Amino acid sequence: MVESLITLLNTLNTLSPLAVIALLAVILFTVLKNKEEVAGKVDNLADNHLHDLPEVLATLQRIEIKLSEDLSWIKAKLNGRY
């Protein structure tokens, strides 16, 4: 990491001031562009309300109860009680 930073600084030292300014402008443009993309993704996540979760939970609980009843019936059948 440090070696690559030293290499970058040596390269910048050999460039003209105009090239360094152009490089900084490109870096700033890239950072700002990425920031807008990330902000858009965060907005999409913030708008994605999980209002269906209670319904999903109720459905899963019904499935759990049904499977429990079926398992109890199978156990009783195997034990000869039914």
PDB file of N, CA and C in Angstrom:
ATOM      1  N   MET A   1       0.832  -1.194   0.000  1.00  0.00           N
ATOM      2  CA  MET A   1       0.000   0.000   0.000  1.00  0.00           C
ATOM      3  C   MET A   1       0.872   1.252   0.000  1.00  0.00           C
ATOM      4  N   VAL A   2       1.853   1.269   0.883  1.00  0.00           N
ATOM      5  CA  VAL A   2       2.736   2.434   0.982  1.00  0.00           C
ATOM      6  C   VAL A   2       3.579   2.558  -0.276  1.00  0.00           C
ATOM      7  N   GLU A   3       4.003   1.422  -0.809  1.00  0.00           N
ATOM      8  CA  GLU A   3       4.835   1.454  -2.017  1.00  0.00           C
ATOM      9  C   GLU A   3       4.072   2.024  -3.199  1.00  0.00           C
ATOM     10  N   SER A   4       2.799   1.653  -3.307  1.00  0.00           N
ATOM     11  CA  SER A   4       2.004   2.181  -4.416  1.00  0.00           C
ATOM     12  C   SER A   4       1.765   3.677  -4.240  1.00  0.00           C
ATOM     13  N   LEU A   5       1.636   4.134  -2.998  1.00  0.00           N
ATOM     14  CA  LEU A   5       1.471   5.571  -2.741  1.00  0.00           C
ATOM     15  C   LEU A   5       2.739   6.327  -3.114  1.00  0.00           C
ATOM     16  N   ILE A   6       3.873   5.761  -2.784  1.00  0.00           N
ATOM     17  CA  ILE A   6       5.151   6.402  -3.142  1.00  0.00           C
ATOM     18  C   ILE A   6       5.303   6.451  -4.662  1.00  0.00           C
ATOM     19  N   THR A   7       4.931   5.382  -5.342  1.00  0.00           N
ATOM     20  CA  THR A   7       4.996   5.359  -6.801  1.00  0.00           C
ATOM     21  C   THR A   7       4.077   6.413  -7.401  1.00  0.00           C
ATOM     22  N   LEU A   8       2.876   6.529  -6.849  1.00  0.00           N
ATOM     23  CA  LEU A   8       1.938   7.544  -7.326  1.00  0.00           C
ATOM     24  C   LEU A   8       2.491   8.947  -7.127  1.00  0.00           C
ATOM     25  N   LEU A   9       3.061   9.211  -5.959  1.00  0.00           N
ATOM     26  CA  LEU A   9       3.624  10.541  -5.698  1.00  0.00           C
ATOM     27  C   LEU A   9       4.805  10.845  -6.616  1.00  0.00           C
ATOM     28  N   ASN A  10       5.626   9.862  -6.887  1.00  0.00           N
ATOM     29  CA  ASN A  10       6.748  10.070  -7.817  1.00  0.00           C
ATOM     30  C   ASN A  10       6.237  10.348  -9.229  1.00  0.00           C
ATOM     31  N   THR A  11       5.200   9.645  -9.636  1.00  0.00           N
ATOM     32  CA  THR A  11       4.617   9.879 -10.954  1.00  0.00           C
ATOM     33  C   THR A  11       4.024  11.274 -11.037  1.00  0.00           C
ATOM     34  N   LEU A  12       3.297  11.683  -9.993  1.00  0.00           N
ATOM     35  CA  LEU A  12       2.732  13.034  -9.976  1.00  0.00           C
ATOM     36  C   LEU A  12       3.821  14.099  -9.987  1.00  0.00           C
ATOM     37  N   ASN A  13       4.930  13.818  -9.364  1.00  0.00           N
ATOM     38  CA  ASN A  13       6.036  14.770  -9.326  1.00  0.00           C
ATOM     39  C   ASN A  13       6.624  14.986 -10.720  1.00  0.00           C
ATOM     40  N   THR A  14       6.571  13.971 -11.567  1.00  0.00           N
ATOM     41  CA  THR A  14       7.133  14.109 -12.913  1.00  0.00           C
ATOM     42  C   THR A  14       6.151  14.769 -13.881  1.00  0.00           C
ATOM     43  N   LEU A  15       4.878  14.817 -13.533  1.00  0.00           N
ATOM     44  CA  LEU A  15       3.876  15.409 -14.422  1.00  0.00           C
ATOM     45  C   LEU A  15       3.888  16.928 -14.322  1.00  0.00           C
ATOM     46  N   SER A  16       3.302  17.554 -15.321  1.00  0.00           N
ATOM     47  CA  SER A  16       3.185  19.003 -15.295  1.00  0.00           C
ATOM     48  C   SER A  16       2.052  19.393 -14.350  1.00  0.00           C
ATOM     49  N   PRO A  17       2.040  20.627 -13.883  1.00  0.00           N
ATOM     50  CA  PRO A  17       0.962  21.070 -12.990  1.00  0.00           C
ATOM     51  C   PRO A  17      -0.416  20.957 -13.640  1.00  0.00           C
ATOM     52  N   LEU A  18      -0.494  21.200 -14.925  1.00  0.00           N
ATOM     53  CA  LEU A  18      -1.769  21.081 -15.625  1.00  0.00           C
ATOM     54  C   LEU A  18      -2.261  19.627 -15.627  1.00  0.00           C
ATOM     55  N   ALA A  19      -1.371  18.677 -15.783  1.00  0.00           N
ATOM     56  CA  ALA A  19      -1.748  17.263 -15.758  1.00  0.00           C
ATOM     57  C   ALA A  19      -2.225  16.852 -14.371  1.00  0.00           C
ATOM     58  N   VAL A  20      -1.591  17.373 -13.332  1.00  0.00           N
ATOM     59  CA  VAL A  20      -2.004  17.069 -11.963  1.00  0.00           C
ATOM     60  C   VAL A  20      -3.398  17.639 -11.703  1.00  0.00           C
ATOM     61  N   ILE A  21      -3.652  18.854 -12.175  1.00  0.00           N
ATOM     62  CA  ILE A  21      -4.981  19.465 -12.008  1.00  0.00           C
ATOM     63  C   ILE A  21      -6.032  18.646 -12.759  1.00  0.00           C
ATOM     64  N   ALA A  22      -5.696  18.205 -13.962  1.00  0.00           N
ATOM     65  CA  ALA A  22      -6.637  17.387 -14.738  1.00  0.00           C
ATOM     66  C   ALA A  22      -6.901  16.056 -14.029  1.00  0.00           C
ATOM     67  N   LEU A  23      -5.879  15.461 -13.459  1.00  0.00           N
ATOM     68  CA  LEU A  23      -6.037  14.210 -12.733  1.00  0.00           C
ATOM     69  C   LEU A  23      -6.928  14.401 -11.511  1.00  0.00           C
ATOM     70  N   LEU A  24      -6.739  15.489 -10.786  1.00  0.00           N
ATOM     71  CA  LEU A  24      -7.590  15.780  -9.628  1.00  0.00           C
ATOM     72  C   LEU A  24      -9.038  16.013 -10.051  1.00  0.00           C
ATOM     73  N   ALA A  25      -9.225  16.675 -11.195  1.00  0.00           N
ATOM     74  CA  ALA A  25     -10.582  16.905 -11.686  1.00  0.00           C
ATOM     75  C   ALA A  25     -11.265  15.576 -12.019  1.00  0.00           C
ATOM     76  N   VAL A  26     -10.529  14.665 -12.635  1.00  0.00           N
ATOM     77  CA  VAL A  26     -11.092  13.339 -12.965  1.00  0.00           C
ATOM     78  C   VAL A  26     -11.438  12.580 -11.687  1.00  0.00           C
ATOM     79  N   ILE A  27     -10.570  12.632 -10.685  1.00  0.00           N
ATOM     80  CA  ILE A  27     -10.822  11.951  -9.411  1.00  0.00           C
ATOM     81  C   ILE A  27     -12.053  12.535  -8.737  1.00  0.00           C
ATOM     82  N   LEU A  28     -12.169  13.858  -8.699  1.00  0.00           N
ATOM     83  CA  LEU A  28     -13.337  14.497  -8.092  1.00  0.00           C
ATOM     84  C   LEU A  28     -14.620  14.135  -8.831  1.00  0.00           C
ATOM     85  N   PHE A  29     -14.563  14.119 -10.149  1.00  0.00           N
ATOM     86  CA  PHE A  29     -15.737  13.750 -10.937  1.00  0.00           C
ATOM     87  C   PHE A  29     -16.170  12.319 -10.628  1.00  0.00           C
ATOM     88  N   THR A  30     -15.203  11.415 -10.552  1.00  0.00           N
ATOM     89  CA  THR A  30     -15.509  10.012 -10.264  1.00  0.00           C
ATOM     90  C   THR A  30     -16.106   9.853  -8.872  1.00  0.00           C
ATOM     91  N   VAL A  31     -15.538  10.543  -7.902  1.00  0.00           N
ATOM     92  CA  VAL A  31     -16.048  10.445  -6.525  1.00  0.00           C
ATOM     93  C   VAL A  31     -17.470  10.997  -6.447  1.00  0.00           C
ATOM     94  N   LEU A  32     -17.728  12.136  -7.066  1.00  0.00           N
ATOM     95  CA  LEU A  32     -19.066  12.718  -7.030  1.00  0.00           C
ATOM     96  C   LEU A  32     -20.079  11.858  -7.769  1.00  0.00           C
ATOM     97  N   LYS A  33     -19.681  11.270  -8.876  1.00  0.00           N
ATOM     98  CA  LYS A  33     -20.581  10.394  -9.631  1.00  0.00           C
ATOM     99  C   LYS A  33     -20.948   9.169  -8.795  1.00  0.00           C
ATOM    100  N   ASN A  34     -19.960   8.572  -8.145  1.00  0.00           N
ATOM    101  CA  ASN A  34     -20.217   7.404  -7.298  1.00  0.00           C
ATOM    102  C   ASN A  34     -21.081   7.772  -6.098  1.00  0.00           C
ATOM    103  N   LYS A  35     -20.892   8.966  -5.581  1.00  0.00           N
ATOM    104  CA  LYS A  35     -21.690   9.408  -4.434  1.00  0.00           C
ATOM    105  C   LYS A  35     -23.165   9.517  -4.825  1.00  0.00           C
ATOM    106  N   GLU A  36     -23.461  10.038  -6.017  1.00  0.00           N
ATOM    107  CA  GLU A  36     -24.846  10.149  -6.484  1.00  0.00           C
ATOM    108  C   GLU A  36     -25.466   8.770  -6.687  1.00  0.00           C
ATOM    109  N   GLU A  37     -24.685   7.821  -7.224  1.00  0.00           N
ATOM    110  CA  GLU A  37     -25.199   6.462  -7.435  1.00  0.00           C
ATOM    111  C   GLU A  37     -25.514   5.789  -6.101  1.00  0.00           C
ATOM    112  N   VAL A  38     -24.638   5.965  -5.131  1.00  0.00           N
ATOM    113  CA  VAL A  38     -24.855   5.372  -3.812  1.00  0.00           C
ATOM    114  C   VAL A  38     -26.059   6.018  -3.143  1.00  0.00           C
ATOM    115  N   ALA A  39     -26.206   7.328  -3.271  1.00  0.00           N
ATOM    116  CA  ALA A  39     -27.353   8.013  -2.677  1.00  0.00           C
ATOM    117  C   ALA A  39     -28.653   7.514  -3.290  1.00  0.00           C
ATOM    118  N   GLY A  40     -28.656   7.254  -4.587  1.00  0.00           N
ATOM    119  CA  GLY A  40     -29.848   6.717  -5.244  1.00  0.00           C
ATOM    120  C   GLY A  40     -30.193   5.327  -4.734  1.00  0.00           C
ATOM    121  N   LYS A  41     -29.182   4.511  -4.514  1.00  0.00           N
ATOM    122  CA  LYS A  41     -29.425   3.172  -3.988  1.00  0.00           C
ATOM    123  C   LYS A  41     -29.948   3.229  -2.558  1.00  0.00           C
ATOM    124  N   VAL A  42     -29.420   4.153  -1.765  1.00  0.00           N
ATOM    125  CA  VAL A  42     -29.894   4.306  -0.387  1.00  0.00           C
ATOM    126  C   VAL A  42     -31.343   4.772  -0.381  1.00  0.00           C
ATOM    127  N   ASP A  43     -31.707   5.673  -1.285  1.00  0.00           N
ATOM    128  CA  ASP A  43     -33.095   6.122  -1.379  1.00  0.00           C
ATOM    129  C   ASP A  43     -34.019   4.965  -1.742  1.00  0.00           C
ATOM    130  N   ASN A  44     -33.571   4.103  -2.653  1.00  0.00           N
ATOM    131  CA  ASN A  44     -34.380   2.942  -3.024  1.00  0.00           C
ATOM    132  C   ASN A  44     -34.591   2.023  -1.831  1.00  0.00           C
ATOM    133  N   LEU A  45     -33.555   1.828  -1.032  1.00  0.00           N
ATOM    134  CA  LEU A  45     -33.694   0.989   0.150  1.00  0.00           C
ATOM    135  C   LEU A  45     -34.606   1.647   1.183  1.00  0.00           C
ATOM    136  N   ALA A  46     -34.516   2.961   1.319  1.00  0.00           N
ATOM    137  CA  ALA A  46     -35.352   3.665   2.291  1.00  0.00           C
ATOM    138  C   ALA A  46     -36.813   3.633   1.887  1.00  0.00           C
ATOM    139  N   ASP A  47     -37.087   3.628   0.605  1.00  0.00           N
ATOM    140  CA  ASP A  47     -38.471   3.599   0.129  1.00  0.00           C
ATOM    141  C   ASP A  47     -39.070   2.197   0.142  1.00  0.00           C
ATOM    142  N   ASN A  48     -38.249   1.183   0.330  1.00  0.00           N
ATOM    143  CA  ASN A  48     -38.720  -0.199   0.309  1.00  0.00           C
ATOM    144  C   ASN A  48     -39.212  -0.573   1.705  1.00  0.00           C
ATOM    145  N   HIS A  49     -40.444  -0.224   1.997  1.00  0.00           N
ATOM    146  CA  HIS A  49     -41.016  -0.532   3.299  1.00  0.00           C
ATOM    147  C   HIS A  49     -41.427  -1.995   3.340  1.00  0.00           C
ATOM    148  N   LEU A  50     -41.199  -2.601   4.451  1.00  0.00           N
ATOM    149  CA  LEU A  50     -41.483  -4.022   4.594  1.00  0.00           C
ATOM    150  C   LEU A  50     -42.853  -4.219   5.239  1.00  0.00           C
ATOM    151  N   HIS A  51     -43.879  -3.657   4.628  1.00  0.00           N
ATOM    152  CA  HIS A  51     -45.215  -3.703   5.198  1.00  0.00           C
ATOM    153  C   HIS A  51     -45.851  -5.085   5.078  1.00  0.00           C
ATOM    154  N   ASP A  52     -45.303  -5.971   4.252  1.00  0.00           N
ATOM    155  CA  ASP A  52     -45.865  -7.305   4.085  1.00  0.00           C
ATOM    156  C   ASP A  52     -45.367  -8.296   5.133  1.00  0.00           C
ATOM    157  N   LEU A  53     -44.413  -7.903   5.960  1.00  0.00           N
ATOM    158  CA  LEU A  53     -43.844  -8.846   6.906  1.00  0.00           C
ATOM    159  C   LEU A  53     -44.857  -9.431   7.892  1.00  0.00           C
ATOM    160  N   PRO A  54     -45.801  -8.675   8.454  1.00  0.00           N
ATOM    161  CA  PRO A  54     -46.771  -9.296   9.361  1.00  0.00           C
ATOM    162  C   PRO A  54     -47.606 -10.385   8.680  1.00  0.00           C
ATOM    163  N   GLU A  55     -47.974 -10.164   7.429  1.00  0.00           N
ATOM    164  CA  GLU A  55     -48.734 -11.183   6.702  1.00  0.00           C
ATOM    165  C   GLU A  55     -47.891 -12.429   6.466  1.00  0.00           C
ATOM    166  N   VAL A  56     -46.630 -12.239   6.142  1.00  0.00           N
ATOM    167  CA  VAL A  56     -45.734 -13.372   5.927  1.00  0.00           C
ATOM    168  C   VAL A  56     -45.565 -14.143   7.237  1.00  0.00           C
ATOM    169  N   LEU A  57     -45.414 -13.426   8.333  1.00  0.00           N
ATOM    170  CA  LEU A  57     -45.269 -14.071   9.636  1.00  0.00           C
ATOM    171  C   LEU A  57     -46.510 -14.883   9.986  1.00  0.00           C
ATOM    172  N   ALA A  58     -47.691 -14.340   9.753  1.00  0.00           N
ATOM    173  CA  ALA A  58     -48.934 -15.057  10.040  1.00  0.00           C
ATOM    174  C   ALA A  58     -49.033 -16.327   9.190  1.00  0.00           C
ATOM    175  N   THR A  59     -48.647 -16.238   7.940  1.00  0.00           N
ATOM    176  CA  THR A  59     -48.679 -17.408   7.064  1.00  0.00           C
ATOM    177  C   THR A  59     -47.708 -18.473   7.553  1.00  0.00           C
ATOM    178  N   LEU A  60     -46.508 -18.048   7.924  1.00  0.00           N
ATOM    179  CA  LEU A  60     -45.524 -19.004   8.428  1.00  0.00           C
ATOM    180  C   LEU A  60     -45.993 -19.655   9.724  1.00  0.00           C
ATOM    181  N   GLN A  61     -46.672 -18.904  10.593  1.00  0.00           N
ATOM    182  CA  GLN A  61     -47.186 -19.479  11.829  1.00  0.00           C
ATOM    183  C   GLN A  61     -48.274 -20.509  11.541  1.00  0.00           C
ATOM    184  N   ARG A  62     -49.142 -20.226  10.569  1.00  0.00           N
ATOM    185  CA  ARG A  62     -50.174 -21.206  10.195  1.00  0.00           C
ATOM    186  C   ARG A  62     -49.537 -22.477   9.650  1.00  0.00           C
ATOM    187  N   ILE A  63     -48.507 -22.333   8.840  1.00  0.00           N
ATOM    188  CA  ILE A  63     -47.813 -23.498   8.298  1.00  0.00           C
ATOM    189  C   ILE A  63     -47.173 -24.301   9.430  1.00  0.00           C
ATOM    190  N   GLU A  64     -46.565 -23.596  10.375  1.00  0.00           N
ATOM    191  CA  GLU A  64     -45.925 -24.264  11.510  1.00  0.00           C
ATOM    192  C   GLU A  64     -46.946 -25.058  12.325  1.00  0.00           C
ATOM    193  N   ILE A  65     -48.098 -24.477  12.584  1.00  0.00           N
ATOM    194  CA  ILE A  65     -49.139 -25.159  13.358  1.00  0.00           C
ATOM    195  C   ILE A  65     -49.640 -26.381  12.603  1.00  0.00           C
ATOM    196  N   LYS A  66     -49.863 -26.237  11.306  1.00  0.00           N
ATOM    197  CA  LYS A  66     -50.349 -27.349  10.491  1.00  0.00           C
ATOM    198  C   LYS A  66     -49.337 -28.484  10.474  1.00  0.00           C
ATOM    199  N   LEU A  67     -48.055 -28.160  10.305  1.00  0.00           N
ATOM    200  CA  LEU A  67     -47.022 -29.195  10.298  1.00  0.00           C
ATOM    201  C   LEU A  67     -46.908 -29.864  11.662  1.00  0.00           C
ATOM    202  N   SER A  68     -47.068 -29.097  12.719  1.00  0.00           N
ATOM    203  CA  SER A  68     -47.032 -29.660  14.068  1.00  0.00           C
ATOM    204  C   SER A  68     -48.177 -30.635  14.278  1.00  0.00           C
ATOM    205  N   GLU A  69     -49.380 -30.273  13.828  1.00  0.00           N
ATOM    206  CA  GLU A  69     -50.533 -31.166  13.940  1.00  0.00           C
ATOM    207  C   GLU A  69     -50.317 -32.446  13.141  1.00  0.00           C
ATOM    208  N   ASP A  70     -49.783 -32.299  11.932  1.00  0.00           N
ATOM    209  CA  ASP A  70     -49.535 -33.473  11.094  1.00  0.00           C
ATOM    210  C   ASP A  70     -48.490 -34.387  11.724  1.00  0.00           C
ATOM    211  N   LEU A  71     -47.456 -33.789  12.296  1.00  0.00           N
ATOM    212  CA  LEU A  71     -46.424 -34.578  12.940  1.00  0.00           C
ATOM    213  C   LEU A  71     -46.979 -35.304  14.163  1.00  0.00           C
ATOM    214  N   SER A  72     -47.827 -34.647  14.932  1.00  0.00           N
ATOM    215  CA  SER A  72     -48.454 -35.294  16.091  1.00  0.00           C
ATOM    216  C   SER A  72     -49.314 -36.473  15.643  1.00  0.00           C
ATOM    217  N   TRP A  73     -50.051 -36.323  14.555  1.00  0.00           N
ATOM    218  CA  TRP A  73     -50.890 -37.412  14.042  1.00  0.00           C
ATOM    219  C   TRP A  73     -50.029 -38.598  13.608  1.00  0.00           C
ATOM    220  N   ILE A  74     -48.896 -38.297  12.942  1.00  0.00           N
ATOM    221  CA  ILE A  74     -47.996 -39.363  12.489  1.00  0.00           C
ATOM    222  C   ILE A  74     -47.403 -40.095  13.686  1.00  0.00           C
ATOM    223  N   LYS A  75     -46.976 -39.340  14.723  1.00  0.00           N
ATOM    224  CA  LYS A  75     -46.413 -39.962  15.926  1.00  0.00           C
ATOM    225  C   LYS A  75     -47.467 -40.857  16.595  1.00  0.00           C
ATOM    226  N   ALA A  76     -48.686 -40.368  16.699  1.00  0.00           N
ATOM    227  CA  ALA A  76     -49.753 -41.157  17.324  1.00  0.00           C
ATOM    228  C   ALA A  76     -50.021 -42.415  16.503  1.00  0.00           C
ATOM    229  N   LYS A  77     -50.006 -42.308  15.200  1.00  0.00           N
ATOM    230  CA  LYS A  77     -50.250 -43.454  14.323  1.00  0.00           C
ATOM    231  C   LYS A  77     -49.145 -44.492  14.501  1.00  0.00           C
ATOM    232  N   LEU A  78     -47.913 -44.039  14.603  1.00  0.00           N
ATOM    233  CA  LEU A  78     -46.793 -44.956  14.785  1.00  0.00           C
ATOM    234  C   LEU A  78     -46.821 -45.624  16.149  1.00  0.00           C
ATOM    235  N   ASN A  79     -47.314 -44.928  17.150  1.00  0.00           N
ATOM    236  CA  ASN A  79     -47.382 -45.501  18.502  1.00  0.00           C
ATOM    237  C   ASN A  79     -48.627 -46.359  18.688  1.00  0.00           C
ATOM    238  N   GLY A  80     -49.498 -46.449  17.701  1.00  0.00           N
ATOM    239  CA  GLY A  80     -50.667 -47.286  17.758  1.00  0.00           C
ATOM    240  C   GLY A  80     -51.821 -46.696  18.535  1.00  0.00           C
ATOM    241  N   ARG A  81     -51.836 -45.405  18.773  1.00  0.00           N
ATOM    242  CA  ARG A  81     -52.900 -44.767  19.523  1.00  0.00           C
ATOM    243  C   ARG A  81     -54.057 -44.345  18.645  1.00  0.00           C
ATOM    244  N   TYR A  82     -53.856 -44.324  17.386  1.00  0.00           N
ATOM    245  CA  TYR A  82     -54.914 -43.803  16.512  1.00  0.00           C
ATOM    246  C   TYR A  82     -55.609 -44.931  15.821  1.00  0.00           C
TER     247      TYR A  82
END
